[in-house]
């Protein structure tokens, strides 16, 4: 269970890196007005998830129950921030089909997110959360 959670966490991180890269490459950091994803929320999500992943690797290597629960504790705010960003991304996704004048309208960077990556990242994240919880209980 520990290794399965680790593998899923790593796959989730890959999806998160892709989304972060798309957001940054399309001006998300510079785009203060158009983006619906505030940089502190996005980068907080990223940093907490990375810290939790490091803790989970420490847990897998050393089998310490308190470290497993601490890693899970990091995942709770990561999940809440992820749900917040998903809720803020949905209107942007729905507006993709609307006719927009790209010259006179600032488009949010997250408009370029691949839907399959967003959904895959979310599904893997939920599965990771559940597996980490089960593994922490069994530790």
N, C-alpha and C. Protein backbone atom coordinates (compact mmCIF):
# COMPACT_ATOMS: atom_id res chain seq x y z
N UNK A 1 0.83 -1.20 0.00
CA UNK A 1 0.00 0.00 0.00
C UNK A 1 0.87 1.26 0.00
N UNK A 2 1.97 1.22 0.77
CA UNK A 2 2.86 2.37 0.87
C UNK A 2 3.46 2.72 -0.49
N UNK A 3 3.92 1.68 -1.19
CA UNK A 3 4.56 1.89 -2.49
C UNK A 3 3.53 2.33 -3.53
N UNK A 4 2.33 1.74 -3.47
CA UNK A 4 1.27 2.14 -4.40
C UNK A 4 0.93 3.62 -4.22
N UNK A 5 0.85 4.04 -2.96
CA UNK A 5 0.57 5.46 -2.68
C UNK A 5 1.70 6.34 -3.20
N UNK A 6 2.93 5.89 -3.03
CA UNK A 6 4.08 6.65 -3.52
C UNK A 6 4.05 6.79 -5.03
N UNK A 7 3.78 5.69 -5.73
CA UNK A 7 3.73 5.72 -7.20
C UNK A 7 2.62 6.66 -7.66
N UNK A 8 1.44 6.55 -7.05
CA UNK A 8 0.34 7.44 -7.44
C UNK A 8 0.65 8.90 -7.12
N UNK A 9 1.30 9.14 -5.99
CA UNK A 9 1.67 10.51 -5.62
C UNK A 9 2.63 11.07 -6.66
N UNK A 10 3.59 10.25 -7.10
CA UNK A 10 4.54 10.71 -8.12
C UNK A 10 3.84 10.99 -9.45
N UNK A 11 2.91 10.12 -9.84
CA UNK A 11 2.16 10.36 -11.08
C UNK A 11 1.30 11.62 -10.97
N UNK A 12 0.71 11.83 -9.80
CA UNK A 12 -0.07 13.04 -9.57
C UNK A 12 0.82 14.28 -9.69
N UNK A 13 2.04 14.17 -9.14
CA UNK A 13 2.99 15.29 -9.21
C UNK A 13 3.36 15.60 -10.65
N UNK A 14 3.51 14.58 -11.47
CA UNK A 14 3.83 14.82 -12.89
C UNK A 14 2.71 15.62 -13.55
N UNK A 15 1.47 15.23 -13.30
CA UNK A 15 0.34 15.99 -13.84
C UNK A 15 0.32 17.42 -13.33
N UNK A 16 0.64 17.59 -12.05
CA UNK A 16 0.70 18.93 -11.47
C UNK A 16 1.79 19.78 -12.10
N UNK A 17 2.95 19.15 -12.36
CA UNK A 17 4.04 19.88 -13.03
C UNK A 17 3.63 20.32 -14.43
N UNK A 18 2.93 19.46 -15.13
CA UNK A 18 2.46 19.82 -16.48
C UNK A 18 1.53 21.02 -16.40
N UNK A 19 0.57 20.97 -15.49
CA UNK A 19 -0.38 22.09 -15.35
C UNK A 19 0.33 23.37 -14.92
N UNK A 20 1.25 23.26 -13.97
CA UNK A 20 2.01 24.43 -13.53
C UNK A 20 2.82 25.00 -14.69
N UNK A 21 3.46 24.13 -15.46
CA UNK A 21 4.25 24.58 -16.61
C UNK A 21 3.40 25.30 -17.65
N UNK A 22 2.21 24.76 -17.93
CA UNK A 22 1.30 25.41 -18.89
C UNK A 22 0.88 26.77 -18.36
N UNK A 23 0.56 26.83 -17.08
CA UNK A 23 0.11 28.08 -16.47
C UNK A 23 1.20 29.15 -16.52
N UNK A 24 2.42 28.78 -16.15
CA UNK A 24 3.54 29.73 -16.16
C UNK A 24 3.89 30.13 -17.60
N UNK A 25 3.94 29.15 -18.51
CA UNK A 25 4.30 29.43 -19.90
C UNK A 25 3.30 30.35 -20.59
N UNK A 26 2.05 30.34 -20.12
CA UNK A 26 1.03 31.18 -20.73
C UNK A 26 0.78 32.46 -19.94
N UNK A 27 1.74 32.83 -19.10
CA UNK A 27 1.68 34.12 -18.43
C UNK A 27 0.91 34.15 -17.13
N UNK A 28 0.70 33.00 -16.50
CA UNK A 28 -0.08 32.96 -15.26
C UNK A 28 0.49 33.80 -14.14
N UNK A 29 1.80 33.86 -14.03
CA UNK A 29 2.42 34.65 -12.96
C UNK A 29 2.28 36.15 -13.25
N UNK A 30 2.44 36.53 -14.50
CA UNK A 30 2.35 37.95 -14.89
C UNK A 30 0.90 38.40 -15.03
N UNK A 31 0.01 37.48 -15.20
CA UNK A 31 -1.38 37.73 -15.56
C UNK A 31 -2.23 37.97 -14.31
N UNK A 32 -2.06 39.09 -13.67
CA UNK A 32 -2.74 39.37 -12.40
C UNK A 32 -4.25 39.50 -12.56
N UNK A 33 -4.72 40.03 -13.67
CA UNK A 33 -6.14 40.31 -13.81
C UNK A 33 -6.95 39.20 -14.43
N UNK A 34 -6.41 38.51 -15.41
CA UNK A 34 -7.20 37.54 -16.16
C UNK A 34 -7.26 36.17 -15.48
N UNK A 35 -6.20 35.76 -14.82
CA UNK A 35 -6.16 34.43 -14.23
C UNK A 35 -7.13 34.33 -13.06
N UNK A 36 -7.81 33.21 -13.00
CA UNK A 36 -8.72 32.94 -11.88
C UNK A 36 -8.01 32.18 -10.77
N UNK A 37 -6.73 31.84 -10.99
CA UNK A 37 -5.96 31.10 -10.00
C UNK A 37 -4.93 32.02 -9.36
N UNK A 38 -5.18 32.43 -8.12
CA UNK A 38 -4.22 33.31 -7.45
C UNK A 38 -2.89 32.59 -7.24
N UNK A 39 -1.78 33.24 -7.58
CA UNK A 39 -0.46 32.59 -7.40
C UNK A 39 -0.22 32.03 -6.00
N UNK A 40 -0.63 32.70 -4.90
CA UNK A 40 -0.38 32.10 -3.59
C UNK A 40 -1.11 30.75 -3.41
N UNK A 41 -2.30 30.64 -3.96
CA UNK A 41 -3.05 29.38 -3.86
C UNK A 41 -2.35 28.30 -4.68
N UNK A 42 -2.00 28.63 -5.90
CA UNK A 42 -1.37 27.67 -6.79
C UNK A 42 -0.01 27.22 -6.25
N UNK A 43 0.83 28.17 -5.87
CA UNK A 43 2.16 27.81 -5.38
C UNK A 43 2.10 27.18 -3.99
N UNK A 44 1.12 27.58 -3.17
CA UNK A 44 0.92 26.93 -1.88
C UNK A 44 0.55 25.46 -2.06
N UNK A 45 -0.34 25.20 -3.01
CA UNK A 45 -0.73 23.83 -3.35
C UNK A 45 0.50 23.02 -3.76
N UNK A 46 1.29 23.60 -4.63
CA UNK A 46 2.49 22.93 -5.12
C UNK A 46 3.49 22.65 -4.00
N UNK A 47 3.78 23.66 -3.18
CA UNK A 47 4.78 23.49 -2.13
C UNK A 47 4.33 22.52 -1.03
N UNK A 48 3.08 22.59 -0.64
CA UNK A 48 2.58 21.66 0.37
C UNK A 48 2.58 20.22 -0.16
N UNK A 49 2.21 20.05 -1.43
CA UNK A 49 2.22 18.71 -2.03
C UNK A 49 3.64 18.17 -2.12
N UNK A 50 4.59 19.02 -2.48
CA UNK A 50 5.99 18.58 -2.57
C UNK A 50 6.53 18.22 -1.19
N UNK A 51 6.22 19.02 -0.18
CA UNK A 51 6.68 18.73 1.17
C UNK A 51 6.06 17.42 1.67
N UNK A 52 4.79 17.22 1.40
CA UNK A 52 4.13 15.97 1.79
C UNK A 52 4.74 14.77 1.09
N UNK A 53 5.08 14.93 -0.19
CA UNK A 53 5.72 13.84 -0.94
C UNK A 53 7.07 13.48 -0.33
N UNK A 54 7.85 14.48 0.03
CA UNK A 54 9.15 14.22 0.68
C UNK A 54 8.92 13.47 1.99
N UNK A 55 7.95 13.88 2.77
CA UNK A 55 7.64 13.18 4.02
C UNK A 55 7.21 11.74 3.76
N UNK A 56 6.43 11.54 2.70
CA UNK A 56 5.97 10.18 2.39
C UNK A 56 7.16 9.30 1.99
N UNK A 57 8.10 9.85 1.26
CA UNK A 57 9.30 9.10 0.90
C UNK A 57 10.09 8.74 2.16
N UNK A 58 10.18 9.68 3.10
CA UNK A 58 10.85 9.40 4.39
C UNK A 58 10.11 8.30 5.13
N UNK A 59 8.78 8.35 5.11
CA UNK A 59 7.99 7.31 5.75
C UNK A 59 8.25 5.94 5.11
N UNK A 60 8.20 5.88 3.80
CA UNK A 60 8.41 4.60 3.11
C UNK A 60 9.80 4.05 3.42
N UNK A 61 10.79 4.92 3.50
CA UNK A 61 12.16 4.48 3.79
C UNK A 61 12.34 4.05 5.24
N UNK A 62 11.64 4.73 6.17
CA UNK A 62 11.89 4.47 7.58
C UNK A 62 10.75 3.85 8.35
N UNK A 63 9.55 3.78 7.76
CA UNK A 63 8.38 3.16 8.39
C UNK A 63 8.04 3.78 9.75
N UNK A 64 7.92 5.10 9.78
CA UNK A 64 7.57 5.82 11.00
C UNK A 64 6.12 6.28 10.92
N UNK A 65 5.29 5.77 11.82
CA UNK A 65 3.86 6.11 11.80
C UNK A 65 3.60 7.61 11.93
N UNK A 66 4.30 8.33 12.84
CA UNK A 66 4.06 9.78 12.91
C UNK A 66 4.39 10.52 11.59
N UNK A 67 5.40 10.05 10.87
CA UNK A 67 5.74 10.68 9.59
C UNK A 67 4.63 10.41 8.57
N UNK A 68 4.07 9.21 8.60
CA UNK A 68 2.96 8.89 7.68
C UNK A 68 1.77 9.82 7.94
N UNK A 69 1.42 10.01 9.20
CA UNK A 69 0.30 10.89 9.53
C UNK A 69 0.60 12.36 9.23
N UNK A 70 1.85 12.75 9.38
CA UNK A 70 2.23 14.12 9.03
C UNK A 70 2.09 14.33 7.53
N UNK A 71 2.53 13.35 6.75
CA UNK A 71 2.38 13.44 5.29
C UNK A 71 0.91 13.55 4.92
N UNK A 72 0.07 12.74 5.57
CA UNK A 72 -1.37 12.83 5.32
C UNK A 72 -1.90 14.21 5.72
N UNK A 73 -1.40 14.72 6.84
CA UNK A 73 -1.81 16.06 7.28
C UNK A 73 -1.48 17.13 6.25
N UNK A 74 -0.40 16.96 5.52
CA UNK A 74 -0.06 17.90 4.45
C UNK A 74 -1.04 17.75 3.29
N UNK A 75 -1.52 16.54 3.06
CA UNK A 75 -2.42 16.32 1.93
C UNK A 75 -3.79 16.98 2.10
N UNK A 76 -4.22 17.16 3.34
CA UNK A 76 -5.55 17.75 3.56
C UNK A 76 -5.62 19.18 3.00
N UNK A 77 -4.71 20.10 3.37
CA UNK A 77 -4.79 21.43 2.75
C UNK A 77 -4.47 21.39 1.25
N UNK A 78 -3.64 20.45 0.82
CA UNK A 78 -3.36 20.32 -0.62
C UNK A 78 -4.66 20.00 -1.35
N UNK A 79 -5.44 19.08 -0.80
CA UNK A 79 -6.72 18.71 -1.43
C UNK A 79 -7.69 19.89 -1.43
N UNK A 80 -7.74 20.62 -0.33
CA UNK A 80 -8.66 21.77 -0.26
C UNK A 80 -8.26 22.86 -1.26
N UNK A 81 -6.96 23.12 -1.36
CA UNK A 81 -6.50 24.10 -2.35
C UNK A 81 -6.76 23.60 -3.77
N UNK A 82 -6.57 22.31 -3.99
CA UNK A 82 -6.84 21.73 -5.31
C UNK A 82 -8.31 21.85 -5.68
N UNK A 83 -9.19 21.56 -4.73
CA UNK A 83 -10.63 21.71 -5.00
C UNK A 83 -10.99 23.17 -5.27
N UNK A 84 -10.37 24.08 -4.54
CA UNK A 84 -10.60 25.51 -4.77
C UNK A 84 -10.19 25.90 -6.19
N UNK A 85 -9.00 25.45 -6.60
CA UNK A 85 -8.54 25.79 -7.96
C UNK A 85 -9.41 25.14 -9.02
N UNK A 86 -9.85 23.91 -8.78
CA UNK A 86 -10.73 23.25 -9.74
C UNK A 86 -12.04 24.02 -9.89
N UNK A 87 -12.61 24.45 -8.76
CA UNK A 87 -13.85 25.22 -8.80
C UNK A 87 -13.66 26.55 -9.54
N UNK A 88 -12.49 27.15 -9.41
CA UNK A 88 -12.23 28.43 -10.10
C UNK A 88 -11.89 28.20 -11.57
N UNK A 89 -11.43 26.99 -11.92
CA UNK A 89 -11.09 26.67 -13.31
C UNK A 89 -12.32 26.33 -14.14
N UNK A 90 -13.35 25.76 -13.54
CA UNK A 90 -14.54 25.32 -14.28
C UNK A 90 -15.15 26.44 -15.13
N UNK A 91 -15.36 27.66 -14.60
CA UNK A 91 -15.91 28.71 -15.47
C UNK A 91 -14.99 29.05 -16.65
N UNK A 92 -13.69 28.97 -16.43
CA UNK A 92 -12.74 29.24 -17.52
C UNK A 92 -12.90 28.18 -18.60
N UNK A 93 -13.05 26.92 -18.18
CA UNK A 93 -13.24 25.82 -19.13
C UNK A 93 -14.53 26.01 -19.90
N UNK A 94 -15.59 26.41 -19.22
CA UNK A 94 -16.89 26.59 -19.88
C UNK A 94 -16.85 27.73 -20.90
N UNK A 95 -16.01 28.73 -20.66
CA UNK A 95 -15.91 29.87 -21.57
C UNK A 95 -15.03 29.58 -22.78
N UNK A 96 -14.38 28.41 -22.83
CA UNK A 96 -13.48 28.08 -23.94
C UNK A 96 -14.20 28.10 -25.28
N UNK A 97 -15.46 27.67 -25.27
CA UNK A 97 -16.20 27.59 -26.54
C UNK A 97 -16.81 28.93 -26.95
N UNK A 98 -16.84 29.90 -26.04
CA UNK A 98 -17.40 31.21 -26.36
C UNK A 98 -16.47 31.98 -27.29
N UNK A 99 -17.05 32.73 -28.17
CA UNK A 99 -16.25 33.55 -29.09
C UNK A 99 -15.60 34.69 -28.30
N UNK A 100 -14.28 34.79 -28.42
CA UNK A 100 -13.53 35.80 -27.67
C UNK A 100 -12.61 36.52 -28.64
N UNK A 101 -12.52 37.83 -28.48
CA UNK A 101 -11.59 38.62 -29.27
C UNK A 101 -10.24 38.59 -28.56
N UNK A 102 -9.28 37.76 -29.04
CA UNK A 102 -8.02 37.61 -28.31
C UNK A 102 -7.16 38.88 -28.28
N UNK A 103 -7.43 39.82 -29.16
CA UNK A 103 -6.65 41.05 -29.18
C UNK A 103 -7.08 41.98 -28.05
N UNK A 104 -8.37 42.08 -27.81
CA UNK A 104 -8.88 43.02 -26.83
C UNK A 104 -9.25 42.37 -25.49
N UNK A 105 -9.13 41.07 -25.39
CA UNK A 105 -9.51 40.37 -24.17
C UNK A 105 -8.32 39.61 -23.62
N UNK A 106 -8.03 39.84 -22.35
CA UNK A 106 -6.96 39.08 -21.69
C UNK A 106 -7.51 37.71 -21.32
N UNK A 107 -6.87 36.67 -21.86
CA UNK A 107 -7.31 35.31 -21.58
C UNK A 107 -6.53 34.74 -20.41
N UNK A 108 -7.22 34.05 -19.50
CA UNK A 108 -6.51 33.47 -18.37
C UNK A 108 -5.58 32.35 -18.82
N UNK A 109 -4.44 32.24 -18.17
CA UNK A 109 -3.45 31.23 -18.53
C UNK A 109 -4.01 29.83 -18.40
N UNK A 110 -4.89 29.61 -17.44
CA UNK A 110 -5.44 28.28 -17.21
C UNK A 110 -6.43 27.86 -18.29
N UNK A 111 -6.75 28.76 -19.18
CA UNK A 111 -7.60 28.40 -20.32
C UNK A 111 -6.90 27.38 -21.21
N UNK A 112 -5.58 27.32 -21.14
CA UNK A 112 -4.80 26.41 -21.96
C UNK A 112 -4.56 25.05 -21.32
N UNK A 113 -5.12 24.81 -20.14
CA UNK A 113 -4.93 23.51 -19.48
C UNK A 113 -5.57 22.41 -20.32
N UNK A 114 -4.84 21.33 -20.55
CA UNK A 114 -5.47 20.17 -21.20
C UNK A 114 -6.48 19.54 -20.23
N UNK A 115 -7.70 19.37 -20.68
CA UNK A 115 -8.76 18.85 -19.82
C UNK A 115 -8.39 17.47 -19.29
N UNK A 116 -7.81 16.64 -20.13
CA UNK A 116 -7.45 15.29 -19.70
C UNK A 116 -6.42 15.32 -18.56
N UNK A 117 -5.51 16.28 -18.59
CA UNK A 117 -4.51 16.38 -17.52
C UNK A 117 -5.16 16.88 -16.24
N UNK A 118 -6.07 17.85 -16.35
CA UNK A 118 -6.78 18.35 -15.17
C UNK A 118 -7.56 17.21 -14.50
N UNK A 119 -8.33 16.48 -15.30
CA UNK A 119 -9.14 15.40 -14.74
C UNK A 119 -8.27 14.26 -14.21
N UNK A 120 -7.21 13.92 -14.94
CA UNK A 120 -6.31 12.87 -14.48
C UNK A 120 -5.60 13.25 -13.20
N UNK A 121 -5.16 14.49 -13.12
CA UNK A 121 -4.49 14.99 -11.90
C UNK A 121 -5.44 14.90 -10.71
N UNK A 122 -6.68 15.32 -10.90
CA UNK A 122 -7.65 15.27 -9.81
C UNK A 122 -7.99 13.85 -9.39
N UNK A 123 -8.18 12.97 -10.35
CA UNK A 123 -8.51 11.58 -10.04
C UNK A 123 -7.35 10.90 -9.31
N UNK A 124 -6.15 11.11 -9.81
CA UNK A 124 -4.97 10.54 -9.14
C UNK A 124 -4.80 11.13 -7.73
N UNK A 125 -5.09 12.41 -7.59
CA UNK A 125 -4.94 13.06 -6.28
C UNK A 125 -5.91 12.47 -5.25
N UNK A 126 -7.15 12.27 -5.65
CA UNK A 126 -8.13 11.69 -4.73
C UNK A 126 -7.72 10.26 -4.36
N UNK A 127 -7.28 9.49 -5.34
CA UNK A 127 -6.84 8.12 -5.08
C UNK A 127 -5.63 8.10 -4.17
N UNK A 128 -4.70 9.03 -4.40
CA UNK A 128 -3.52 9.14 -3.53
C UNK A 128 -3.92 9.45 -2.10
N UNK A 129 -4.82 10.39 -1.93
CA UNK A 129 -5.28 10.76 -0.59
C UNK A 129 -5.86 9.56 0.14
N UNK A 130 -6.69 8.78 -0.55
CA UNK A 130 -7.31 7.61 0.07
C UNK A 130 -6.26 6.56 0.41
N UNK A 131 -5.33 6.30 -0.52
CA UNK A 131 -4.29 5.29 -0.25
C UNK A 131 -3.37 5.71 0.89
N UNK A 132 -3.02 6.98 0.95
CA UNK A 132 -2.18 7.46 2.04
C UNK A 132 -2.92 7.32 3.38
N UNK A 133 -4.19 7.63 3.40
CA UNK A 133 -4.97 7.47 4.62
C UNK A 133 -4.99 6.00 5.05
N UNK A 134 -5.27 5.10 4.13
CA UNK A 134 -5.31 3.67 4.46
C UNK A 134 -3.94 3.20 4.94
N UNK A 135 -2.89 3.61 4.25
CA UNK A 135 -1.55 3.20 4.64
C UNK A 135 -1.17 3.75 6.02
N UNK A 136 -1.57 4.99 6.30
CA UNK A 136 -1.27 5.57 7.62
C UNK A 136 -2.03 4.83 8.72
N UNK A 137 -3.25 4.44 8.45
CA UNK A 137 -4.02 3.68 9.44
C UNK A 137 -3.38 2.32 9.70
N UNK A 138 -2.87 1.71 8.63
CA UNK A 138 -2.25 0.39 8.76
C UNK A 138 -0.83 0.43 9.29
N UNK A 139 -0.23 1.61 9.34
CA UNK A 139 1.18 1.70 9.75
C UNK A 139 1.38 1.26 11.18
